[in-house]
Every structure is written in C-alpha cells, then in structure tokens.
Amino acid sequence: MTGADFDVVAMDAVYTNSDVPTGAAPAISTFVASPSSVAKGKAVTLSWTTVDANYNVIAPAVGPVRGESIVVNPLSTTTYTLYLTNQFGRTTATAVVSVH
C-alpha cells in the first residue's frame, strides 16, 4: 500500500465537550393567526417575528417558510406550530385557527 492509495479529505473542526460552541436558541417574539376564526377554506394570515433563526418550518402542511408571513386556507380548526432552528437549538410557538 502506498500514499497514492489514499485520498486527502478536508474535515471541519472536531469539537470535544470542553470546546463546543455555545449560544442562544432562536427566539419567537410573536406568532399569530389573523383572523383567528374563519369560515371553511377562507384565507388566514399566519405572521411571526423571530430572532436568530436559520430555518423556519410551519406544521401541519405548510412546510419551510421565509419572510414573516404566509396565507393558509384551513378546512377545519387547526393548531399551527412554528418551529425555529439554529445551530444552538429549537424553539416552537403555536397559533390556533377556529373554523366554523
């Protein structure tokens, strides 16, 4: 076996318990549904303000989101959950839309 039998691979830093980077998980200032009560299939705006989020997801059925709002059309009463993630953790908040 010779050196030509191997490939050089660049690796990210290796951390131990004593030098793992630390920081704050993302924060949710607000997550609201407007209006919070609608007829079946009518438009509702979900809006939020956040700090330090790298990746935002709304469940159920919305998926990854950018910006600070999105329009949904719920067919039944739904609790939407906003998940924020960064390299230090995850934070969640919920907003309920009542369908009548």
PDB file of N, CA and C in Angstrom:
ATOM      1  N   MET A   1       0.840  -1.153   0.000  1.00  0.00           N
ATOM      2  CA  MET A   1       0.000   0.000   0.000  1.00  0.00           C
ATOM      3  C   MET A   1       0.900   1.235   0.000  1.00  0.00           C
ATOM      4  N   THR A   2       0.549   2.207  -0.855  1.00  0.00           N
ATOM      5  CA  THR A   2       1.345   3.441  -0.938  1.00  0.00           C
ATOM      6  C   THR A   2       0.441   4.645  -0.655  1.00  0.00           C
ATOM      7  N   GLY A   3       1.054   5.806  -0.563  1.00  0.00           N
ATOM      8  CA  GLY A   3       0.306   7.035  -0.336  1.00  0.00           C
ATOM      9  C   GLY A   3      -0.686   7.313  -1.459  1.00  0.00           C
ATOM     10  N   ALA A   4      -0.425   6.825  -2.651  1.00  0.00           N
ATOM     11  CA  ALA A   4      -1.322   7.022  -3.788  1.00  0.00           C
ATOM     12  C   ALA A   4      -2.635   6.257  -3.628  1.00  0.00           C
ATOM     13  N   ASP A   5      -2.686   5.316  -2.702  1.00  0.00           N
ATOM     14  CA  ASP A   5      -3.905   4.545  -2.459  1.00  0.00           C
ATOM     15  C   ASP A   5      -4.910   5.294  -1.587  1.00  0.00           C
ATOM     16  N   PHE A   6      -4.560   6.492  -1.119  1.00  0.00           N
ATOM     17  CA  PHE A   6      -5.410   7.250  -0.207  1.00  0.00           C
ATOM     18  C   PHE A   6      -5.818   8.577  -0.823  1.00  0.00           C
ATOM     19  N   ASP A   7      -6.967   9.097  -0.391  1.00  0.00           N
ATOM     20  CA  ASP A   7      -7.418  10.427  -0.785  1.00  0.00           C
ATOM     21  C   ASP A   7      -7.310  11.349   0.420  1.00  0.00           C
ATOM     22  N   VAL A   8      -6.998  12.609   0.148  1.00  0.00           N
ATOM     23  CA  VAL A   8      -6.968  13.609   1.212  1.00  0.00           C
ATOM     24  C   VAL A   8      -8.372  14.189   1.320  1.00  0.00           C
ATOM     25  N   VAL A   9      -8.914  14.224   2.526  1.00  0.00           N
ATOM     26  CA  VAL A   9     -10.258  14.744   2.770  1.00  0.00           C
ATOM     27  C   VAL A   9     -10.166  15.884   3.770  1.00  0.00           C
ATOM     28  N   ALA A  10     -10.710  17.046   3.402  1.00  0.00           N
ATOM     29  CA  ALA A  10     -10.742  18.174   4.334  1.00  0.00           C
ATOM     30  C   ALA A  10     -11.895  17.961   5.303  1.00  0.00           C
ATOM     31  N   MET A  11     -11.634  18.157   6.578  1.00  0.00           N
ATOM     32  CA  MET A  11     -12.660  17.958   7.600  1.00  0.00           C
ATOM     33  C   MET A  11     -12.914  19.267   8.343  1.00  0.00           C
ATOM     34  N   ASP A  12     -14.144  19.416   8.835  1.00  0.00           N
ATOM     35  CA  ASP A  12     -14.456  20.527   9.721  1.00  0.00           C
ATOM     36  C   ASP A  12     -13.762  20.285  11.059  1.00  0.00           C
ATOM     37  N   ALA A  13     -13.776  21.311  11.876  1.00  0.00           N
ATOM     38  CA  ALA A  13     -13.166  21.193  13.202  1.00  0.00           C
ATOM     39  C   ALA A  13     -13.836  20.075  13.991  1.00  0.00           C
ATOM     40  N   VAL A  14     -13.049  19.409  14.806  1.00  0.00           N
ATOM     41  CA  VAL A  14     -13.570  18.374  15.690  1.00  0.00           C
ATOM     42  C   VAL A  14     -13.664  18.994  17.082  1.00  0.00           C
ATOM     43  N   TYR A  15     -14.859  18.902  17.678  1.00  0.00           N
ATOM     44  CA  TYR A  15     -15.084  19.505  18.981  1.00  0.00           C
ATOM     45  C   TYR A  15     -15.143  18.442  20.063  1.00  0.00           C
ATOM     46  N   THR A  16     -14.721  18.838  21.244  1.00  0.00           N
ATOM     47  CA  THR A  16     -14.869  17.995  22.422  1.00  0.00           C
ATOM     48  C   THR A  16     -15.853  18.695  23.358  1.00  0.00           C
ATOM     49  N   ASN A  17     -16.242  18.040  24.446  1.00  0.00           N
ATOM     50  CA  ASN A  17     -17.172  18.659  25.397  1.00  0.00           C
ATOM     51  C   ASN A  17     -16.666  19.979  25.948  1.00  0.00           C
ATOM     52  N   SER A  18     -15.371  20.170  25.988  1.00  0.00           N
ATOM     53  CA  SER A  18     -14.817  21.386  26.587  1.00  0.00           C
ATOM     54  C   SER A  18     -14.772  22.577  25.635  1.00  0.00           C
ATOM     55  N   ASP A  19     -14.916  22.359  24.319  1.00  0.00           N
ATOM     56  CA  ASP A  19     -14.809  23.494  23.403  1.00  0.00           C
ATOM     57  C   ASP A  19     -15.955  23.580  22.369  1.00  0.00           C
ATOM     58  N   VAL A  20     -17.078  22.973  22.677  1.00  0.00           N
ATOM     59  CA  VAL A  20     -18.233  23.038  21.784  1.00  0.00           C
ATOM     60  C   VAL A  20     -18.762  24.470  21.772  1.00  0.00           C
ATOM     61  N   PRO A  21     -19.024  25.052  20.575  1.00  0.00           N
ATOM     62  CA  PRO A  21     -19.578  26.404  20.527  1.00  0.00           C
ATOM     63  C   PRO A  21     -20.941  26.451  21.217  1.00  0.00           C
ATOM     64  N   THR A  22     -21.197  27.535  21.898  1.00  0.00           N
ATOM     65  CA  THR A  22     -22.479  27.696  22.583  1.00  0.00           C
ATOM     66  C   THR A  22     -23.114  29.019  22.173  1.00  0.00           C
ATOM     67  N   GLY A  23     -24.412  29.100  22.363  1.00  0.00           N
ATOM     68  CA  GLY A  23     -25.133  30.324  22.043  1.00  0.00           C
ATOM     69  C   GLY A  23     -26.597  30.146  22.355  1.00  0.00           C
ATOM     70  N   ALA A  24     -27.371  31.135  21.987  1.00  0.00           N
ATOM     71  CA  ALA A  24     -28.801  31.125  22.286  1.00  0.00           C
ATOM     72  C   ALA A  24     -29.592  30.436  21.184  1.00  0.00           C
ATOM     73  N   ALA A  25     -30.598  29.686  21.599  1.00  0.00           N
ATOM     74  CA  ALA A  25     -31.561  29.125  20.644  1.00  0.00           C
ATOM     75  C   ALA A  25     -32.336  30.294  20.033  1.00  0.00           C
ATOM     76  N   PRO A  26     -32.966  30.095  18.883  1.00  0.00           N
ATOM     77  CA  PRO A  26     -33.734  31.181  18.279  1.00  0.00           C
ATOM     78  C   PRO A  26     -34.913  31.571  19.175  1.00  0.00           C
ATOM     79  N   ALA A  27     -35.386  32.808  19.019  1.00  0.00           N
ATOM     80  CA  ALA A  27     -36.485  33.299  19.843  1.00  0.00           C
ATOM     81  C   ALA A  27     -37.661  33.715  18.958  1.00  0.00           C
ATOM     82  N   ILE A  28     -38.865  33.469  19.455  1.00  0.00           N
ATOM     83  CA  ILE A  28     -40.088  33.867  18.763  1.00  0.00           C
ATOM     84  C   ILE A  28     -40.724  34.992  19.576  1.00  0.00           C
ATOM     85  N   SER A  29     -40.814  36.182  18.982  1.00  0.00           N
ATOM     86  CA  SER A  29     -41.463  37.303  19.654  1.00  0.00           C
ATOM     87  C   SER A  29     -42.972  37.191  19.533  1.00  0.00           C
ATOM     88  N   THR A  30     -43.448  36.882  18.314  1.00  0.00           N
ATOM     89  CA  THR A  30     -44.884  36.710  18.086  1.00  0.00           C
ATOM     90  C   THR A  30     -45.116  35.639  17.035  1.00  0.00           C
ATOM     91  N   PHE A  31     -46.250  34.942  17.166  1.00  0.00           N
ATOM     92  CA  PHE A  31     -46.758  34.031  16.138  1.00  0.00           C
ATOM     93  C   PHE A  31     -48.273  34.079  16.258  1.00  0.00           C
ATOM     94  N   VAL A  32     -48.934  34.703  15.289  1.00  0.00           N
ATOM     95  CA  VAL A  32     -50.380  34.925  15.370  1.00  0.00           C
ATOM     96  C   VAL A  32     -51.075  34.559  14.062  1.00  0.00           C
ATOM     97  N   ALA A  33     -52.366  34.248  14.189  1.00  0.00           N
ATOM     98  CA  ALA A  33     -53.236  33.991  13.043  1.00  0.00           C
ATOM     99  C   ALA A  33     -54.238  35.138  12.975  1.00  0.00           C
ATOM    100  N   SER A  34     -54.392  35.699  11.764  1.00  0.00           N
ATOM    101  CA  SER A  34     -55.328  36.805  11.610  1.00  0.00           C
ATOM    102  C   SER A  34     -56.138  36.629  10.330  1.00  0.00           C
ATOM    103  N   PRO A  35     -57.448  36.484  10.448  1.00  0.00           N
ATOM    104  CA  PRO A  35     -58.224  36.372  11.679  1.00  0.00           C
ATOM    105  C   PRO A  35     -58.031  34.993  12.304  1.00  0.00           C
ATOM    106  N   SER A  36     -58.412  34.862  13.552  1.00  0.00           N
ATOM    107  CA  SER A  36     -58.229  33.587  14.246  1.00  0.00           C
ATOM    108  C   SER A  36     -59.471  32.695  14.159  1.00  0.00           C
ATOM    109  N   SER A  37     -60.538  33.208  13.535  1.00  0.00           N
ATOM    110  CA  SER A  37     -61.764  32.428  13.338  1.00  0.00           C
ATOM    111  C   SER A  37     -62.318  32.755  11.959  1.00  0.00           C
ATOM    112  N   VAL A  38     -62.521  31.724  11.122  1.00  0.00           N
ATOM    113  CA  VAL A  38     -62.967  31.929   9.742  1.00  0.00           C
ATOM    114  C   VAL A  38     -63.936  30.833   9.312  1.00  0.00           C
ATOM    115  N   ALA A  39     -64.588  31.064   8.188  1.00  0.00           N
ATOM    116  CA  ALA A  39     -65.383  30.022   7.553  1.00  0.00           C
ATOM    117  C   ALA A  39     -64.436  29.052   6.847  1.00  0.00           C
ATOM    118  N   LYS A  40     -64.890  27.840   6.624  1.00  0.00           N
ATOM    119  CA  LYS A  40     -64.100  26.781   5.996  1.00  0.00           C
ATOM    120  C   LYS A  40     -63.491  27.260   4.672  1.00  0.00           C
ATOM    121  N   GLY A  41     -62.159  27.102   4.547  1.00  0.00           N
ATOM    122  CA  GLY A  41     -61.458  27.421   3.311  1.00  0.00           C
ATOM    123  C   GLY A  41     -61.116  28.885   3.103  1.00  0.00           C
ATOM    124  N   LYS A  42     -61.484  29.758   4.013  1.00  0.00           N
ATOM    125  CA  LYS A  42     -61.181  31.186   3.876  1.00  0.00           C
ATOM    126  C   LYS A  42     -59.736  31.467   4.254  1.00  0.00           C
ATOM    127  N   ALA A  43     -59.208  32.566   3.748  1.00  0.00           N
ATOM    128  CA  ALA A  43     -57.808  32.924   3.954  1.00  0.00           C
ATOM    129  C   ALA A  43     -57.534  33.403   5.373  1.00  0.00           C
ATOM    130  N   VAL A  44     -56.407  32.949   5.900  1.00  0.00           N
ATOM    131  CA  VAL A  44     -55.896  33.366   7.203  1.00  0.00           C
ATOM    132  C   VAL A  44     -54.410  33.674   7.009  1.00  0.00           C
ATOM    133  N   THR A  45     -53.959  34.787   7.560  1.00  0.00           N
ATOM    134  CA  THR A  45     -52.541  35.116   7.501  1.00  0.00           C
ATOM    135  C   THR A  45     -51.871  34.700   8.808  1.00  0.00           C
ATOM    136  N   LEU A  46     -50.886  33.832   8.697  1.00  0.00           N
ATOM    137  CA  LEU A  46     -50.032  33.492   9.831  1.00  0.00           C
ATOM    138  C   LEU A  46     -48.834  34.424   9.758  1.00  0.00           C
ATOM    139  N   SER A  47     -48.548  35.130  10.842  1.00  0.00           N
ATOM    140  CA  SER A  47     -47.407  36.041  10.831  1.00  0.00           C
ATOM    141  C   SER A  47     -46.576  35.851  12.092  1.00  0.00           C
ATOM    142  N   TRP A  48     -45.300  36.165  11.991  1.00  0.00           N
ATOM    143  CA  TRP A  48     -44.379  35.930  13.095  1.00  0.00           C
ATOM    144  C   TRP A  48     -43.240  36.924  13.056  1.00  0.00           C
ATOM    145  N   THR A  49     -42.638  37.133  14.220  1.00  0.00           N
ATOM    146  CA  THR A  49     -41.380  37.865  14.329  1.00  0.00           C
ATOM    147  C   THR A  49     -40.437  36.997  15.146  1.00  0.00           C
ATOM    148  N   THR A  50     -39.204  36.886  14.668  1.00  0.00           N
ATOM    149  CA  THR A  50     -38.243  35.973  15.285  1.00  0.00           C
ATOM    150  C   THR A  50     -36.860  36.616  15.365  1.00  0.00           C
ATOM    151  N   VAL A  51     -36.001  35.994  16.144  1.00  0.00           N
ATOM    152  CA  VAL A  51     -34.617  36.426  16.285  1.00  0.00           C
ATOM    153  C   VAL A  51     -33.707  35.199  16.189  1.00  0.00           C
ATOM    154  N   ASP A  52     -32.673  35.300  15.371  1.00  0.00           N
ATOM    155  CA  ASP A  52     -31.600  34.298  15.284  1.00  0.00           C
ATOM    156  C   ASP A  52     -32.027  32.929  14.755  1.00  0.00           C
ATOM    157  N   ALA A  53     -33.028  32.879  13.887  1.00  0.00           N
ATOM    158  CA  ALA A  53     -33.439  31.593  13.310  1.00  0.00           C
ATOM    159  C   ALA A  53     -32.727  31.375  11.980  1.00  0.00           C
ATOM    160  N   ASN A  54     -32.242  30.161  11.758  1.00  0.00           N
ATOM    161  CA  ASN A  54     -31.639  29.798  10.488  1.00  0.00           C
ATOM    162  C   ASN A  54     -32.621  29.068   9.586  1.00  0.00           C
ATOM    163  N   TYR A  55     -33.596  28.388  10.193  1.00  0.00           N
ATOM    164  CA  TYR A  55     -34.520  27.551   9.436  1.00  0.00           C
ATOM    165  C   TYR A  55     -35.873  27.592  10.128  1.00  0.00           C
ATOM    166  N   ASN A  56     -36.922  27.918   9.360  1.00  0.00           N
ATOM    167  CA  ASN A  56     -38.278  28.023   9.912  1.00  0.00           C
ATOM    168  C   ASN A  56     -39.206  27.048   9.200  1.00  0.00           C
ATOM    169  N   VAL A  57     -40.029  26.348   9.973  1.00  0.00           N
ATOM    170  CA  VAL A  57     -40.996  25.399   9.423  1.00  0.00           C
ATOM    171  C   VAL A  57     -42.319  25.621  10.140  1.00  0.00           C
ATOM    172  N   ILE A  58     -43.428  25.570   9.382  1.00  0.00           N
ATOM    173  CA  ILE A  58     -44.753  25.602   9.986  1.00  0.00           C
ATOM    174  C   ILE A  58     -45.446  24.290   9.659  1.00  0.00           C
ATOM    175  N   ALA A  59     -46.014  23.674  10.688  1.00  0.00           N
ATOM    176  CA  ALA A  59     -46.760  22.425  10.529  1.00  0.00           C
ATOM    177  C   ALA A  59     -48.143  22.636  11.112  1.00  0.00           C
ATOM    178  N   PRO A  60     -49.154  21.956  10.662  1.00  0.00           N
ATOM    179  CA  PRO A  60     -49.125  20.947   9.600  1.00  0.00           C
ATOM    180  C   PRO A  60     -49.217  21.577   8.206  1.00  0.00           C
ATOM    181  N   ALA A  61     -48.740  20.844   7.237  1.00  0.00           N
ATOM    182  CA  ALA A  61     -48.969  21.039   5.803  1.00  0.00           C
ATOM    183  C   ALA A  61     -48.368  22.278   5.166  1.00  0.00           C
ATOM    184  N   VAL A  62     -47.758  23.192   5.906  1.00  0.00           N
ATOM    185  CA  VAL A  62     -47.182  24.381   5.272  1.00  0.00           C
ATOM    186  C   VAL A  62     -45.760  24.098   4.824  1.00  0.00           C
ATOM    187  N   GLY A  63     -44.902  23.662   5.748  1.00  0.00           N
ATOM    188  CA  GLY A  63     -43.520  23.337   5.424  1.00  0.00           C
ATOM    189  C   GLY A  63     -42.577  24.480   5.698  1.00  0.00           C
ATOM    190  N   PRO A  64     -41.389  24.471   5.063  1.00  0.00           N
ATOM    191  CA  PRO A  64     -40.403  25.526   5.277  1.00  0.00           C
ATOM    192  C   PRO A  64     -40.951  26.880   4.827  1.00  0.00           C
ATOM    193  N   VAL A  65     -40.635  27.929   5.585  1.00  0.00           N
ATOM    194  CA  VAL A  65     -41.111  29.275   5.252  1.00  0.00           C
ATOM    195  C   VAL A  65     -39.976  30.282   5.385  1.00  0.00           C
ATOM    196  N   ARG A  66     -40.098  31.358   4.595  1.00  0.00           N
ATOM    197  CA  ARG A  66     -39.193  32.504   4.682  1.00  0.00           C
ATOM    198  C   ARG A  66     -40.035  33.735   4.940  1.00  0.00           C
ATOM    199  N   GLY A  67     -39.393  34.817   5.258  1.00  0.00           N
ATOM    200  CA  GLY A  67     -40.122  36.054   5.478  1.00  0.00           C
ATOM    201  C   GLY A  67     -40.790  36.078   6.836  1.00  0.00           C
ATOM    202  N   GLU A  68     -41.914  36.801   6.909  1.00  0.00           N
ATOM    203  CA  GLU A  68     -42.579  36.985   8.201  1.00  0.00           C
ATOM    204  C   GLU A  68     -44.068  36.693   8.162  1.00  0.00           C
ATOM    205  N   SER A  69     -44.569  36.131   7.041  1.00  0.00           N
ATOM    206  CA  SER A  69     -45.990  35.760   6.996  1.00  0.00           C
ATOM    207  C   SER A  69     -46.255  34.811   5.834  1.00  0.00           C
ATOM    208  N   ILE A  70     -47.407  34.128   5.937  1.00  0.00           N
ATOM    209  CA  ILE A  70     -47.868  33.242   4.871  1.00  0.00           C
ATOM    210  C   ILE A  70     -49.385  33.130   4.997  1.00  0.00           C
ATOM    211  N   VAL A  71     -50.058  32.907   3.882  1.00  0.00           N
ATOM    212  CA  VAL A  71     -51.513  32.757   3.886  1.00  0.00           C
ATOM    213  C   VAL A  71     -51.864  31.275   3.798  1.00  0.00           C
ATOM    214  N   VAL A  72     -52.778  30.840   4.661  1.00  0.00           N
ATOM    215  CA  VAL A  72     -53.281  29.467   4.655  1.00  0.00           C
ATOM    216  C   VAL A  72     -54.800  29.513   4.515  1.00  0.00           C
ATOM    217  N   ASN A  73     -55.384  28.394   4.099  1.00  0.00           N
ATOM    218  CA  ASN A  73     -56.831  28.275   3.937  1.00  0.00           C
ATOM    219  C   ASN A  73     -57.314  27.009   4.637  1.00  0.00           C
ATOM    220  N   PRO A  74     -57.452  27.044   5.958  1.00  0.00           N
ATOM    221  CA  PRO A  74     -57.798  25.829   6.702  1.00  0.00           C
ATOM    222  C   PRO A  74     -59.221  25.350   6.410  1.00  0.00           C
ATOM    223  N   LEU A  75     -59.380  24.031   6.374  1.00  0.00           N
ATOM    224  CA  LEU A  75     -60.687  23.417   6.143  1.00  0.00           C
ATOM    225  C   LEU A  75     -61.347  22.984   7.449  1.00  0.00           C
ATOM    226  N   SER A  76     -60.566  22.965   8.524  1.00  0.00           N
ATOM    227  CA  SER A  76     -61.095  22.628   9.846  1.00  0.00           C
ATOM    228  C   SER A  76     -60.254  23.367  10.877  1.00  0.00           C
ATOM    229  N   THR A  77     -60.723  23.382  12.116  1.00  0.00           N
ATOM    230  CA  THR A  77     -59.958  24.035  13.181  1.00  0.00           C
ATOM    231  C   THR A  77     -58.567  23.420  13.231  1.00  0.00           C
ATOM    232  N   THR A  78     -57.548  24.280  13.214  1.00  0.00           N
ATOM    233  CA  THR A  78     -56.172  23.813  13.092  1.00  0.00           C
ATOM    234  C   THR A  78     -55.265  24.551  14.061  1.00  0.00           C
ATOM    235  N   THR A  79     -54.386  23.815  14.707  1.00  0.00           N
ATOM    236  CA  THR A  79     -53.324  24.412  15.503  1.00  0.00           C
ATOM    237  C   THR A  79     -52.055  24.373  14.669  1.00  0.00           C
ATOM    238  N   TYR A  80     -51.574  25.540  14.289  1.00  0.00           N
ATOM    239  CA  TYR A  80     -50.334  25.645  13.520  1.00  0.00           C
ATOM    240  C   TYR A  80     -49.175  25.802  14.490  1.00  0.00           C
ATOM    241  N   THR A  81     -48.063  25.107  14.212  1.00  0.00           N
ATOM    242  CA  THR A  81     -46.867  25.196  15.042  1.00  0.00           C
ATOM    243  C   THR A  81     -45.723  25.742  14.205  1.00  0.00           C
ATOM    244  N   LEU A  82     -45.094  26.799  14.706  1.00  0.00           N
ATOM    245  CA  LEU A  82     -43.907  27.383  14.086  1.00  0.00           C
ATOM    246  C   LEU A  82     -42.691  26.802  14.801  1.00  0.00           C
ATOM    247  N   TYR A  83     -41.798  26.177  14.033  1.00  0.00           N
ATOM    248  CA  TYR A  83     -40.552  25.614  14.551  1.00  0.00           C
ATOM    249  C   TYR A  83     -39.399  26.458  14.024  1.00  0.00           C
ATOM    250  N   LEU A  84     -38.587  26.987  14.917  1.00  0.00           N
ATOM    251  CA  LEU A  84     -37.380  27.720  14.530  1.00  0.00           C
ATOM    252  C   LEU A  84     -36.175  26.911  14.957  1.00  0.00           C
ATOM    253  N   THR A  85     -35.162  26.888  14.106  1.00  0.00           N
ATOM    254  CA  THR A  85     -33.950  26.127  14.424  1.00  0.00           C
ATOM    255  C   THR A  85     -32.723  26.962  14.092  1.00  0.00           C
ATOM    256  N   ASN A  86     -31.719  26.873  14.937  1.00  0.00           N
ATOM    257  CA  ASN A  86     -30.388  27.361  14.606  1.00  0.00           C
ATOM    258  C   ASN A  86     -29.379  26.348  15.147  1.00  0.00           C
ATOM    259  N   GLN A  87     -28.108  26.666  15.064  1.00  0.00           N
ATOM    260  CA  GLN A  87     -27.083  25.706  15.467  1.00  0.00           C
ATOM    261  C   GLN A  87     -27.080  25.420  16.959  1.00  0.00           C
ATOM    262  N   PHE A  88     -27.855  26.190  17.745  1.00  0.00           N
ATOM    263  CA  PHE A  88     -27.844  26.014  19.194  1.00  0.00           C
ATOM    264  C   PHE A  88     -29.130  25.419  19.754  1.00  0.00           C
ATOM    265  N   GLY A  89     -30.157  25.262  18.914  1.00  0.00           N
ATOM    266  CA  GLY A  89     -31.380  24.675  19.444  1.00  0.00           C
ATOM    267  C   GLY A  89     -32.607  24.956  18.598  1.00  0.00           C
ATOM    268  N   ARG A  90     -33.761  24.608  19.174  1.00  0.00           N
ATOM    269  CA  ARG A  90     -35.049  24.762  18.502  1.00  0.00           C
ATOM    270  C   ARG A  90     -36.034  25.414  19.459  1.00  0.00           C
ATOM    271  N   THR A  91     -36.911  26.252  18.892  1.00  0.00           N
ATOM    272  CA  THR A  91     -37.953  26.927  19.653  1.00  0.00           C
ATOM    273  C   THR A  91     -39.261  26.759  18.890  1.00  0.00           C
ATOM    274  N   THR A  92     -40.375  26.634  19.621  1.00  0.00           N
ATOM    275  CA  THR A  92     -41.678  26.487  18.968  1.00  0.00           C
ATOM    276  C   THR A  92     -42.699  27.448  19.555  1.00  0.00           C
ATOM    277  N   ALA A  93     -43.717  27.738  18.744  1.00  0.00           N
ATOM    278  CA  ALA A  93     -44.884  28.502  19.197  1.00  0.00           C
ATOM    279  C   ALA A  93     -46.080  28.010  18.387  1.00  0.00           C
ATOM    280  N   THR A  94     -47.288  28.202  18.939  1.00  0.00           N
ATOM    281  CA  THR A  94     -48.494  27.747  18.243  1.00  0.00           C
ATOM    282  C   THR A  94     -49.492  28.887  18.065  1.00  0.00           C
ATOM    283  N   ALA A  95     -50.322  28.731  17.025  1.00  0.00           N
ATOM    284  CA  ALA A  95     -51.433  29.650  16.760  1.00  0.00           C
ATOM    285  C   ALA A  95     -52.616  28.795  16.322  1.00  0.00           C
ATOM    286  N   VAL A  96     -53.783  29.028  16.914  1.00  0.00           N
ATOM    287  CA  VAL A  96     -54.972  28.243  16.609  1.00  0.00           C
ATOM    288  C   VAL A  96     -55.892  29.047  15.714  1.00  0.00           C
ATOM    289  N   VAL A  97     -56.386  28.377  14.654  1.00  0.00           N
ATOM    290  CA  VAL A  97     -57.399  28.962  13.784  1.00  0.00           C
ATOM    291  C   VAL A  97     -58.662  28.132  13.940  1.00  0.00           C
ATOM    292  N   SER A  98     -59.743  28.776  14.389  1.00  0.00           N
ATOM    293  CA  SER A  98     -61.033  28.101  14.540  1.00  0.00           C
ATOM    294  C   SER A  98     -61.809  28.238  13.243  1.00  0.00           C
ATOM    295  N   VAL A  99     -62.307  27.116  12.750  1.00  0.00           N
ATOM    296  CA  VAL A  99     -63.121  27.113  11.529  1.00  0.00           C
ATOM    297  C   VAL A  99     -64.551  26.821  11.923  1.00  0.00           C
ATOM    298  N   HIS A 100     -65.488  27.669  11.448  1.00  0.00           N
ATOM    299  CA  HIS A 100     -66.889  27.492  11.791  1.00  0.00           C
ATOM    300  C   HIS A 100     -67.731  27.287  10.563  1.00  0.00           C
TER     301      HIS A 100
END
